[in-house]
Structures are given as C-alpha cells and as structure tokens.
Amino acid sequence: MSIKINRYKCGYCGACVGVCPKGALELVETWVEVDESTCITCGICDRICPVGAIEVMK
C-alpha cells in the first residue's frame, strides 16, 4: 500500500499535511513528501485534498 501524489494537480496548499494523523506528509518547498514507513494509508489525505491530487493505492 502506498500514496501517489500527482504533482501536476497538487496546489501545495498543505491541507493533507494538517490532517495526517501520523504526520507522514510534509510540505517541502513546492512538493509534498510521504514518509511511507509512517503512513498507515488511512485515506484521510485523499478525501481532504481539494483538487484530487492524492490517491491511496491499496
């Protein structure tokens, strides 16, 4: 399981970073990075993304 972030769609608003219960997402300058060792693939970031740039791959 992993998370895929479409960097062409992502507006780097940071909404996903703020809702991640494990702090697995980090906004780094102009991209979002995922710490897959911390991510529990709960899908909250996928649901909160206003532009649909995040996809949880199960």
PDB file of N, CA and C in Angstrom:
ATOM      1  N   MET A   1       0.839  -1.176   0.000  1.00  0.00           N
ATOM      2  CA  MET A   1       0.000   0.000   0.000  1.00  0.00           C
ATOM      3  C   MET A   1       0.888   1.244   0.000  1.00  0.00           C
ATOM      4  N   SER A   2       0.450   2.233  -0.743  1.00  0.00           N
ATOM      5  CA  SER A   2       1.219   3.466  -0.816  1.00  0.00           C
ATOM      6  C   SER A   2       0.310   4.628  -1.208  1.00  0.00           C
ATOM      7  N   ILE A   3       0.891   5.803  -1.220  1.00  0.00           N
ATOM      8  CA  ILE A   3       0.168   7.011  -1.608  1.00  0.00           C
ATOM      9  C   ILE A   3       0.850   7.598  -2.832  1.00  0.00           C
ATOM     10  N   LYS A   4       0.035   7.970  -3.803  1.00  0.00           N
ATOM     11  CA  LYS A   4       0.548   8.588  -5.018  1.00  0.00           C
ATOM     12  C   LYS A   4       0.048  10.033  -5.045  1.00  0.00           C
ATOM     13  N   ILE A   5       0.971  10.972  -5.215  1.00  0.00           N
ATOM     14  CA  ILE A   5       0.617  12.389  -5.288  1.00  0.00           C
ATOM     15  C   ILE A   5       0.925  12.884  -6.688  1.00  0.00           C
ATOM     16  N   ASN A   6      -0.112  13.378  -7.363  1.00  0.00           N
ATOM     17  CA  ASN A   6       0.045  13.929  -8.703  1.00  0.00           C
ATOM     18  C   ASN A   6       0.551  15.357  -8.559  1.00  0.00           C
ATOM     19  N   ARG A   7       1.831  15.550  -8.833  1.00  0.00           N
ATOM     20  CA  ARG A   7       2.449  16.870  -8.630  1.00  0.00           C
ATOM     21  C   ARG A   7       1.965  17.902  -9.635  1.00  0.00           C
ATOM     22  N   TYR A   8       1.347  17.453 -10.724  1.00  0.00           N
ATOM     23  CA  TYR A   8       0.803  18.405 -11.706  1.00  0.00           C
ATOM     24  C   TYR A   8      -0.531  18.970 -11.233  1.00  0.00           C
ATOM     25  N   LYS A   9      -1.283  18.186 -10.450  1.00  0.00           N
ATOM     26  CA  LYS A   9      -2.564  18.636  -9.912  1.00  0.00           C
ATOM     27  C   LYS A   9      -2.409  19.361  -8.582  1.00  0.00           C
ATOM     28  N   CYS A  10      -1.443  18.940  -7.785  1.00  0.00           N
ATOM     29  CA  CYS A  10      -1.271  19.443  -6.420  1.00  0.00           C
ATOM     30  C   CYS A  10      -1.014  20.942  -6.418  1.00  0.00           C
ATOM     31  N   GLY A  11      -1.771  21.656  -5.581  1.00  0.00           N
ATOM     32  CA  GLY A  11      -1.592  23.097  -5.442  1.00  0.00           C
ATOM     33  C   GLY A  11      -0.745  23.453  -4.236  1.00  0.00           C
ATOM     34  N   TYR A  12      -0.225  22.443  -3.535  1.00  0.00           N
ATOM     35  CA  TYR A  12       0.657  22.636  -2.382  1.00  0.00           C
ATOM     36  C   TYR A  12       0.024  23.519  -1.309  1.00  0.00           C
ATOM     37  N   CYS A  13      -1.254  23.262  -1.036  1.00  0.00           N
ATOM     38  CA  CYS A  13      -1.976  24.046  -0.038  1.00  0.00           C
ATOM     39  C   CYS A  13      -1.670  23.582   1.383  1.00  0.00           C
ATOM     40  N   GLY A  14      -1.232  22.322   1.525  1.00  0.00           N
ATOM     41  CA  GLY A  14      -0.890  21.791   2.835  1.00  0.00           C
ATOM     42  C   GLY A  14      -2.054  21.209   3.611  1.00  0.00           C
ATOM     43  N   ALA A  15      -3.228  21.136   3.014  1.00  0.00           N
ATOM     44  CA  ALA A  15      -4.395  20.586   3.714  1.00  0.00           C
ATOM     45  C   ALA A  15      -4.139  19.146   4.152  1.00  0.00           C
ATOM     46  N   CYS A  16      -3.531  18.363   3.304  1.00  0.00           N
ATOM     47  CA  CYS A  16      -3.260  16.959   3.609  1.00  0.00           C
ATOM     48  C   CYS A  16      -2.272  16.823   4.765  1.00  0.00           C
ATOM     49  N   VAL A  17      -1.305  17.717   4.808  1.00  0.00           N
ATOM     50  CA  VAL A  17      -0.286  17.685   5.853  1.00  0.00           C
ATOM     51  C   VAL A  17      -0.936  17.908   7.221  1.00  0.00           C
ATOM     52  N   GLY A  18      -1.881  18.818   7.262  1.00  0.00           N
ATOM     53  CA  GLY A  18      -2.541  19.153   8.514  1.00  0.00           C
ATOM     54  C   GLY A  18      -3.461  18.087   9.062  1.00  0.00           C
ATOM     55  N   VAL A  19      -4.006  17.219   8.210  1.00  0.00           N
ATOM     56  CA  VAL A  19      -4.959  16.218   8.678  1.00  0.00           C
ATOM     57  C   VAL A  19      -4.346  14.839   8.897  1.00  0.00           C
ATOM     58  N   CYS A  20      -3.113  14.634   8.488  1.00  0.00           N
ATOM     59  CA  CYS A  20      -2.495  13.312   8.622  1.00  0.00           C
ATOM     60  C   CYS A  20      -2.318  12.960  10.099  1.00  0.00           C
ATOM     61  N   PRO A  21      -2.964  11.880  10.564  1.00  0.00           N
ATOM     62  CA  PRO A  21      -2.883  11.529  11.988  1.00  0.00           C
ATOM     63  C   PRO A  21      -1.499  11.049  12.422  1.00  0.00           C
ATOM     64  N   LYS A  22      -0.683  10.610  11.505  1.00  0.00           N
ATOM     65  CA  LYS A  22       0.647  10.106  11.842  1.00  0.00           C
ATOM     66  C   LYS A  22       1.773  11.066  11.459  1.00  0.00           C
ATOM     67  N   GLY A  23       1.433  12.186  10.831  1.00  0.00           N
ATOM     68  CA  GLY A  23       2.448  13.150  10.419  1.00  0.00           C
ATOM     69  C   GLY A  23       3.343  12.620   9.309  1.00  0.00           C
ATOM     70  N   ALA A  24       2.775  11.786   8.448  1.00  0.00           N
ATOM     71  CA  ALA A  24       3.552  11.141   7.387  1.00  0.00           C
ATOM     72  C   ALA A  24       3.734  12.026   6.160  1.00  0.00           C
ATOM     73  N   LEU A  25       3.014  13.136   6.093  1.00  0.00           N
ATOM     74  CA  LEU A  25       3.121  14.035   4.953  1.00  0.00           C
ATOM     75  C   LEU A  25       3.847  15.308   5.364  1.00  0.00           C
ATOM     76  N   GLU A  26       4.687  15.792   4.471  1.00  0.00           N
ATOM     77  CA  GLU A  26       5.448  17.005   4.762  1.00  0.00           C
ATOM     78  C   GLU A  26       5.479  17.878   3.512  1.00  0.00           C
ATOM     79  N   LEU A  27       5.205  19.147   3.697  1.00  0.00           N
ATOM     80  CA  LEU A  27       5.262  20.117   2.603  1.00  0.00           C
ATOM     81  C   LEU A  27       6.684  20.658   2.535  1.00  0.00           C
ATOM     82  N   VAL A  28       7.376  20.343   1.442  1.00  0.00           N
ATOM     83  CA  VAL A  28       8.765  20.754   1.257  1.00  0.00           C
ATOM     84  C   VAL A  28       8.827  21.659   0.035  1.00  0.00           C
ATOM     85  N   GLU A  29       9.006  22.944   0.274  1.00  0.00           N
ATOM     86  CA  GLU A  29       9.037  23.961  -0.768  1.00  0.00           C
ATOM     87  C   GLU A  29       7.856  23.833  -1.722  1.00  0.00           C
ATOM     88  N   THR A  30       8.022  23.183  -2.868  1.00  0.00           N
ATOM     89  CA  THR A  30       6.929  23.106  -3.848  1.00  0.00           C
ATOM     90  C   THR A  30       6.474  21.679  -4.109  1.00  0.00           C
ATOM     91  N   TRP A  31       6.581  20.808  -3.127  1.00  0.00           N
ATOM     92  CA  TRP A  31       6.063  19.452  -3.288  1.00  0.00           C
ATOM     93  C   TRP A  31       5.721  18.869  -1.929  1.00  0.00           C
ATOM     94  N   VAL A  32       4.927  17.806  -1.960  1.00  0.00           N
ATOM     95  CA  VAL A  32       4.546  17.095  -0.742  1.00  0.00           C
ATOM     96  C   VAL A  32       5.279  15.759  -0.746  1.00  0.00           C
ATOM     97  N   GLU A  33       5.941  15.458   0.370  1.00  0.00           N
ATOM     98  CA  GLU A  33       6.642  14.186   0.500  1.00  0.00           C
ATOM     99  C   GLU A  33       5.895  13.294   1.463  1.00  0.00           C
ATOM    100  N   VAL A  34       5.927  11.989   1.194  1.00  0.00           N
ATOM    101  CA  VAL A  34       5.264  10.999   2.023  1.00  0.00           C
ATOM    102  C   VAL A  34       6.317  10.115   2.667  1.00  0.00           C
ATOM    103  N   ASP A  35       6.228   9.969   3.984  1.00  0.00           N
ATOM    104  CA  ASP A  35       7.078   9.019   4.697  1.00  0.00           C
ATOM    105  C   ASP A  35       6.286   7.716   4.768  1.00  0.00           C
ATOM    106  N   GLU A  36       6.560   6.819   3.842  1.00  0.00           N
ATOM    107  CA  GLU A  36       5.774   5.583   3.740  1.00  0.00           C
ATOM    108  C   GLU A  36       5.985   4.642   4.914  1.00  0.00           C
ATOM    109  N   SER A  37       7.051   4.820   5.677  1.00  0.00           N
ATOM    110  CA  SER A  37       7.253   3.977   6.856  1.00  0.00           C
ATOM    111  C   SER A  37       6.334   4.410   8.001  1.00  0.00           C
ATOM    112  N   THR A  38       5.859   5.652   7.965  1.00  0.00           N
ATOM    113  CA  THR A  38       4.967   6.183   8.986  1.00  0.00           C
ATOM    114  C   THR A  38       3.506   6.123   8.548  1.00  0.00           C
ATOM    115  N   CYS A  39       3.255   6.241   7.254  1.00  0.00           N
ATOM    116  CA  CYS A  39       1.897   6.285   6.699  1.00  0.00           C
ATOM    117  C   CYS A  39       1.133   4.988   6.988  1.00  0.00           C
ATOM    118  N   ILE A  40      -0.110   5.133   7.432  1.00  0.00           N
ATOM    119  CA  ILE A  40      -0.959   3.970   7.696  1.00  0.00           C
ATOM    120  C   ILE A  40      -2.031   3.799   6.612  1.00  0.00           C
ATOM    121  N   THR A  41      -1.917   4.530   5.525  1.00  0.00           N
ATOM    122  CA  THR A  41      -2.842   4.521   4.373  1.00  0.00           C
ATOM    123  C   THR A  41      -4.312   4.578   4.800  1.00  0.00           C
ATOM    124  N   CYS A  42      -4.604   5.504   5.705  1.00  0.00           N
ATOM    125  CA  CYS A  42      -5.978   5.669   6.197  1.00  0.00           C
ATOM    126  C   CYS A  42      -6.875   6.354   5.164  1.00  0.00           C
ATOM    127  N   GLY A  43      -6.277   7.152   4.262  1.00  0.00           N
ATOM    128  CA  GLY A  43      -7.046   7.802   3.212  1.00  0.00           C
ATOM    129  C   GLY A  43      -7.622   9.155   3.558  1.00  0.00           C
ATOM    130  N   ILE A  44      -7.331   9.663   4.741  1.00  0.00           N
ATOM    131  CA  ILE A  44      -7.852  10.982   5.124  1.00  0.00           C
ATOM    132  C   ILE A  44      -7.320  12.056   4.184  1.00  0.00           C
ATOM    133  N   CYS A  45      -6.047  11.979   3.836  1.00  0.00           N
ATOM    134  CA  CYS A  45      -5.448  12.970   2.938  1.00  0.00           C
ATOM    135  C   CYS A  45      -6.111  12.944   1.563  1.00  0.00           C
ATOM    136  N   ASP A  46      -6.440  11.754   1.101  1.00  0.00           N
ATOM    137  CA  ASP A  46      -7.113  11.572  -0.188  1.00  0.00           C
ATOM    138  C   ASP A  46      -8.469  12.276  -0.180  1.00  0.00           C
ATOM    139  N   ARG A  47      -9.203  12.120   0.900  1.00  0.00           N
ATOM    140  CA  ARG A  47     -10.544  12.704   0.999  1.00  0.00           C
ATOM    141  C   ARG A  47     -10.512  14.218   1.204  1.00  0.00           C
ATOM    142  N   ILE A  48      -9.471  14.731   1.846  1.00  0.00           N
ATOM    143  CA  ILE A  48      -9.417  16.168   2.156  1.00  0.00           C
ATOM    144  C   ILE A  48      -8.834  16.997   1.013  1.00  0.00           C
ATOM    145  N   CYS A  49      -8.093  16.384   0.107  1.00  0.00           N
ATOM    146  CA  CYS A  49      -7.437  17.131  -0.968  1.00  0.00           C
ATOM    147  C   CYS A  49      -8.462  17.840  -1.858  1.00  0.00           C
ATOM    148  N   PRO A  50      -8.408  19.183  -1.936  1.00  0.00           N
ATOM    149  CA  PRO A  50      -9.417  19.926  -2.689  1.00  0.00           C
ATOM    150  C   PRO A  50      -9.318  19.767  -4.195  1.00  0.00           C
ATOM    151  N   VAL A  51      -8.180  19.297  -4.696  1.00  0.00           N
ATOM    152  CA  VAL A  51      -8.014  19.153  -6.147  1.00  0.00           C
ATOM    153  C   VAL A  51      -7.898  17.704  -6.606  1.00  0.00           C
ATOM    154  N   GLY A  52      -8.005  16.763  -5.680  1.00  0.00           N
ATOM    155  CA  GLY A  52      -7.944  15.350  -6.040  1.00  0.00           C
ATOM    156  C   GLY A  52      -6.574  14.880  -6.508  1.00  0.00           C
ATOM    157  N   ALA A  53      -5.525  15.444  -5.923  1.00  0.00           N
ATOM    158  CA  ALA A  53      -4.170  15.116  -6.341  1.00  0.00           C
ATOM    159  C   ALA A  53      -3.588  13.902  -5.630  1.00  0.00           C
ATOM    160  N   ILE A  54      -4.283  13.383  -4.617  1.00  0.00           N
ATOM    161  CA  ILE A  54      -3.759  12.266  -3.824  1.00  0.00           C
ATOM    162  C   ILE A  54      -4.600  11.018  -4.068  1.00  0.00           C
ATOM    163  N   GLU A  55      -3.893   9.905  -4.253  1.00  0.00           N
ATOM    164  CA  GLU A  55      -4.563   8.625  -4.449  1.00  0.00           C
ATOM    165  C   GLU A  55      -3.910   7.592  -3.546  1.00  0.00           C
ATOM    166  N   VAL A  56      -4.711   6.917  -2.740  1.00  0.00           N
ATOM    167  CA  VAL A  56      -4.210   5.860  -1.884  1.00  0.00           C
ATOM    168  C   VAL A  56      -4.291   4.555  -2.666  1.00  0.00           C
ATOM    169  N   MET A  57      -3.133   3.954  -2.878  1.00  0.00           N
ATOM    170  CA  MET A  57      -3.051   2.706  -3.631  1.00  0.00           C
ATOM    171  C   MET A  57      -3.086   1.545  -2.642  1.00  0.00           C
ATOM    172  N   LYS A  58      -4.127   0.724  -2.714  1.00  0.00           N
ATOM    173  CA  LYS A  58      -4.243  -0.418  -1.791  1.00  0.00           C
ATOM    174  C   LYS A  58      -4.038  -1.716  -2.510  1.00  0.00           C
TER     175      LYS A  58
END
